[in-house]
Amino acid sequence: MALDYNIIGSRIRQARLAKNYTQEDLAEQLDISVAFLSRVERGNSQINLKRLNQICGLLDVTEGYMLNGAANNSENYLEKEFSEILKNCSPEKQKLIYNVAKTIAES
């Protein structure tokens, strides 16, 4: 499975904001440019695992969460991602997504 750098970037941004860091704050701690961090958060630049590990340490999140949305012992795996998708859909599409998910979960 290929890594989705858009989602990873979004998770980095969410974790950064949760810690009340600006891009400038985080970039300075990582010794990278604000422009590069901005591209990473938008999914326009790839990040290597060593740098991802540094980011996770500074933001107090796991690599597992950054890579696949799984927090340690998480009961709400991908909850934020599903919530974002659903809030941007019409009620008809929400119902369709629900029915598809229910069918998959019950099989």
C-alpha atoms as a PDB file:
ATOM      1  CA  MET A   1       0.000   0.000   0.000  1.00  0.00           C
ATOM      2  CA  ALA A   2       1.373   3.412  -0.972  1.00  0.00           C
ATOM      3  CA  LEU A   3       1.626   6.172   1.587  1.00  0.00           C
ATOM      4  CA  ASP A   4      -0.868   9.000   1.213  1.00  0.00           C
ATOM      5  CA  TYR A   5       1.209  12.102   1.837  1.00  0.00           C
ATOM      6  CA  ASN A   6      -1.884  14.327   1.797  1.00  0.00           C
ATOM      7  CA  ILE A   7      -3.307  12.489   4.800  1.00  0.00           C
ATOM      8  CA  ILE A   8       0.057  12.346   6.575  1.00  0.00           C
ATOM      9  CA  GLY A   9       0.503  16.077   6.008  1.00  0.00           C
ATOM     10  CA  SER A  10      -2.979  16.755   7.312  1.00  0.00           C
ATOM     11  CA  ARG A  11      -2.256  14.724  10.443  1.00  0.00           C
ATOM     12  CA  ILE A  12       0.996  16.610  10.987  1.00  0.00           C
ATOM     13  CA  ARG A  13      -0.879  19.900  10.685  1.00  0.00           C
ATOM     14  CA  GLN A  14      -3.621  18.740  13.090  1.00  0.00           C
ATOM     15  CA  ALA A  15      -1.061  17.555  15.646  1.00  0.00           C
ATOM     16  CA  ARG A  16       0.924  20.789  15.281  1.00  0.00           C
ATOM     17  CA  LEU A  17      -2.179  22.906  15.860  1.00  0.00           C
ATOM     18  CA  ALA A  18      -3.195  20.737  18.827  1.00  0.00           C
ATOM     19  CA  LYS A  19       0.156  21.641  20.428  1.00  0.00           C
ATOM     20  CA  ASN A  20      -0.420  25.335  19.560  1.00  0.00           C
ATOM     21  CA  TYR A  21       2.709  25.420  17.399  1.00  0.00           C
ATOM     22  CA  THR A  22       2.998  27.659  14.384  1.00  0.00           C
ATOM     23  CA  GLN A  23       4.702  26.339  11.290  1.00  0.00           C
ATOM     24  CA  GLU A  24       7.601  28.624  12.208  1.00  0.00           C
ATOM     25  CA  ASP A  25       7.862  27.059  15.689  1.00  0.00           C
ATOM     26  CA  LEU A  26       7.930  23.499  14.388  1.00  0.00           C
ATOM     27  CA  ALA A  27      10.203  24.259  11.443  1.00  0.00           C
ATOM     28  CA  GLU A  28      12.713  25.905  13.763  1.00  0.00           C
ATOM     29  CA  GLN A  29      12.739  22.913  16.122  1.00  0.00           C
ATOM     30  CA  LEU A  30      13.243  20.571  13.164  1.00  0.00           C
ATOM     31  CA  ASP A  31      15.851  22.810  11.523  1.00  0.00           C
ATOM     32  CA  ILE A  32      13.905  22.884   8.251  1.00  0.00           C
ATOM     33  CA  SER A  33      12.391  25.748   6.275  1.00  0.00           C
ATOM     34  CA  VAL A  34       8.835  26.895   6.857  1.00  0.00           C
ATOM     35  CA  ALA A  35       8.268  26.482   3.105  1.00  0.00           C
ATOM     36  CA  PHE A  36       9.256  22.795   3.274  1.00  0.00           C
ATOM     37  CA  LEU A  37       7.025  22.164   6.297  1.00  0.00           C
ATOM     38  CA  SER A  38       4.164  23.889   4.507  1.00  0.00           C
ATOM     39  CA  ARG A  39       4.653  21.642   1.456  1.00  0.00           C
ATOM     40  CA  VAL A  40       4.735  18.553   3.723  1.00  0.00           C
ATOM     41  CA  GLU A  41       1.502  19.589   5.444  1.00  0.00           C
ATOM     42  CA  ARG A  42      -0.184  20.095   2.066  1.00  0.00           C
ATOM     43  CA  GLY A  43       1.070  16.710   0.838  1.00  0.00           C
ATOM     44  CA  ASN A  44       3.220  18.319  -1.874  1.00  0.00           C
ATOM     45  CA  SER A  45       6.513  17.027  -0.460  1.00  0.00           C
ATOM     46  CA  GLN A  46       7.381  13.613   0.855  1.00  0.00           C
ATOM     47  CA  ILE A  47       8.913  13.192   4.270  1.00  0.00           C
ATOM     48  CA  ASN A  48      11.381  10.497   5.254  1.00  0.00           C
ATOM     49  CA  LEU A  49      10.879   8.255   8.259  1.00  0.00           C
ATOM     50  CA  LYS A  50      13.709   9.833  10.247  1.00  0.00           C
ATOM     51  CA  ARG A  51      12.114  13.283   9.934  1.00  0.00           C
ATOM     52  CA  LEU A  52       8.662  11.831  10.634  1.00  0.00           C
ATOM     53  CA  ASN A  53      10.048  10.299  13.826  1.00  0.00           C
ATOM     54  CA  GLN A  54      11.380  13.709  14.888  1.00  0.00           C
ATOM     55  CA  ILE A  55       8.012  15.327  14.214  1.00  0.00           C
ATOM     56  CA  CYS A  56       6.175  12.639  16.173  1.00  0.00           C
ATOM     57  CA  GLY A  57       8.485  13.148  19.129  1.00  0.00           C
ATOM     58  CA  LEU A  58       7.945  16.913  19.140  1.00  0.00           C
ATOM     59  CA  LEU A  59       4.180  16.630  18.718  1.00  0.00           C
ATOM     60  CA  ASP A  60       3.686  13.680  21.097  1.00  0.00           C
ATOM     61  CA  VAL A  61       1.994  11.419  18.546  1.00  0.00           C
ATOM     62  CA  THR A  62       2.925   7.961  17.318  1.00  0.00           C
ATOM     63  CA  GLU A  63       4.309   7.103  13.916  1.00  0.00           C
ATOM     64  CA  GLY A  64       1.427   4.648  13.591  1.00  0.00           C
ATOM     65  CA  TYR A  65      -1.057   7.473  13.897  1.00  0.00           C
ATOM     66  CA  MET A  66       0.782   9.612  11.346  1.00  0.00           C
ATOM     67  CA  LEU A  67       1.079   6.763   8.837  1.00  0.00           C
ATOM     68  CA  ASN A  68      -2.295   5.063   9.138  1.00  0.00           C
ATOM     69  CA  GLY A  69      -4.425   6.929  11.669  1.00  0.00           C
ATOM     70  CA  ALA A  70      -4.083   4.263  14.353  1.00  0.00           C
ATOM     71  CA  ALA A  71      -3.392   5.581  17.804  1.00  0.00           C
ATOM     72  CA  ASN A  72      -2.276   3.193  20.492  1.00  0.00           C
ATOM     73  CA  ASN A  73      -5.324   1.274  21.711  1.00  0.00           C
ATOM     74  CA  SER A  74      -7.499   3.561  19.651  1.00  0.00           C
ATOM     75  CA  GLU A  75     -11.195   2.821  19.658  1.00  0.00           C
ATOM     76  CA  ASN A  76     -11.931   5.673  17.268  1.00  0.00           C
ATOM     77  CA  TYR A  77      -9.663   4.663  14.407  1.00  0.00           C
ATOM     78  CA  LEU A  78     -10.127   7.087  11.487  1.00  0.00           C
ATOM     79  CA  GLU A  79     -13.025   8.786  13.282  1.00  0.00           C
ATOM     80  CA  LYS A  80     -11.808  12.281  12.378  1.00  0.00           C
ATOM     81  CA  GLU A  81     -11.244  11.310   8.755  1.00  0.00           C
ATOM     82  CA  PHE A  82     -14.731   9.797   8.425  1.00  0.00           C
ATOM     83  CA  SER A  83     -16.237  12.806  10.147  1.00  0.00           C
ATOM     84  CA  GLU A  84     -14.548  15.160   7.676  1.00  0.00           C
ATOM     85  CA  ILE A  85     -15.790  13.121   4.727  1.00  0.00           C
ATOM     86  CA  LEU A  86     -19.333  12.953   6.051  1.00  0.00           C
ATOM     87  CA  LYS A  87     -19.676  16.629   6.897  1.00  0.00           C
ATOM     88  CA  ASN A  88     -18.804  17.502   3.306  1.00  0.00           C
ATOM     89  CA  CYS A  89     -21.430  15.151   1.826  1.00  0.00           C
ATOM     90  CA  SER A  90     -25.100  15.640   1.141  1.00  0.00           C
ATOM     91  CA  PRO A  91     -27.571  13.691   3.324  1.00  0.00           C
ATOM     92  CA  GLU A  92     -28.151  11.305   0.410  1.00  0.00           C
ATOM     93  CA  LYS A  93     -24.439  10.553   0.095  1.00  0.00           C
ATOM     94  CA  GLN A  94     -24.144  10.176   3.882  1.00  0.00           C
ATOM     95  CA  LYS A  95     -26.914   7.553   3.801  1.00  0.00           C
ATOM     96  CA  LEU A  96     -25.157   5.710   0.948  1.00  0.00           C
ATOM     97  CA  ILE A  97     -21.833   5.740   2.820  1.00  0.00           C
ATOM     98  CA  TYR A  98     -23.573   4.486   5.955  1.00  0.00           C
ATOM     99  CA  ASN A  99     -25.264   1.633   4.069  1.00  0.00           C
ATOM    100  CA  VAL A 100     -22.022   0.580   2.387  1.00  0.00           C
ATOM    101  CA  ALA A 101     -20.120   0.689   5.697  1.00  0.00           C
ATOM    102  CA  LYS A 102     -22.878  -1.247   7.473  1.00  0.00           C
ATOM    103  CA  THR A 103     -22.869  -3.925   4.764  1.00  0.00           C
ATOM    104  CA  ILE A 104     -19.093  -4.303   5.016  1.00  0.00           C
ATOM    105  CA  ALA A 105     -19.134  -4.368   8.826  1.00  0.00           C
ATOM    106  CA  GLU A 106     -21.829  -7.053   8.910  1.00  0.00           C
ATOM    107  CA  SER A 107     -20.156  -9.361   6.398  1.00  0.00           C
END
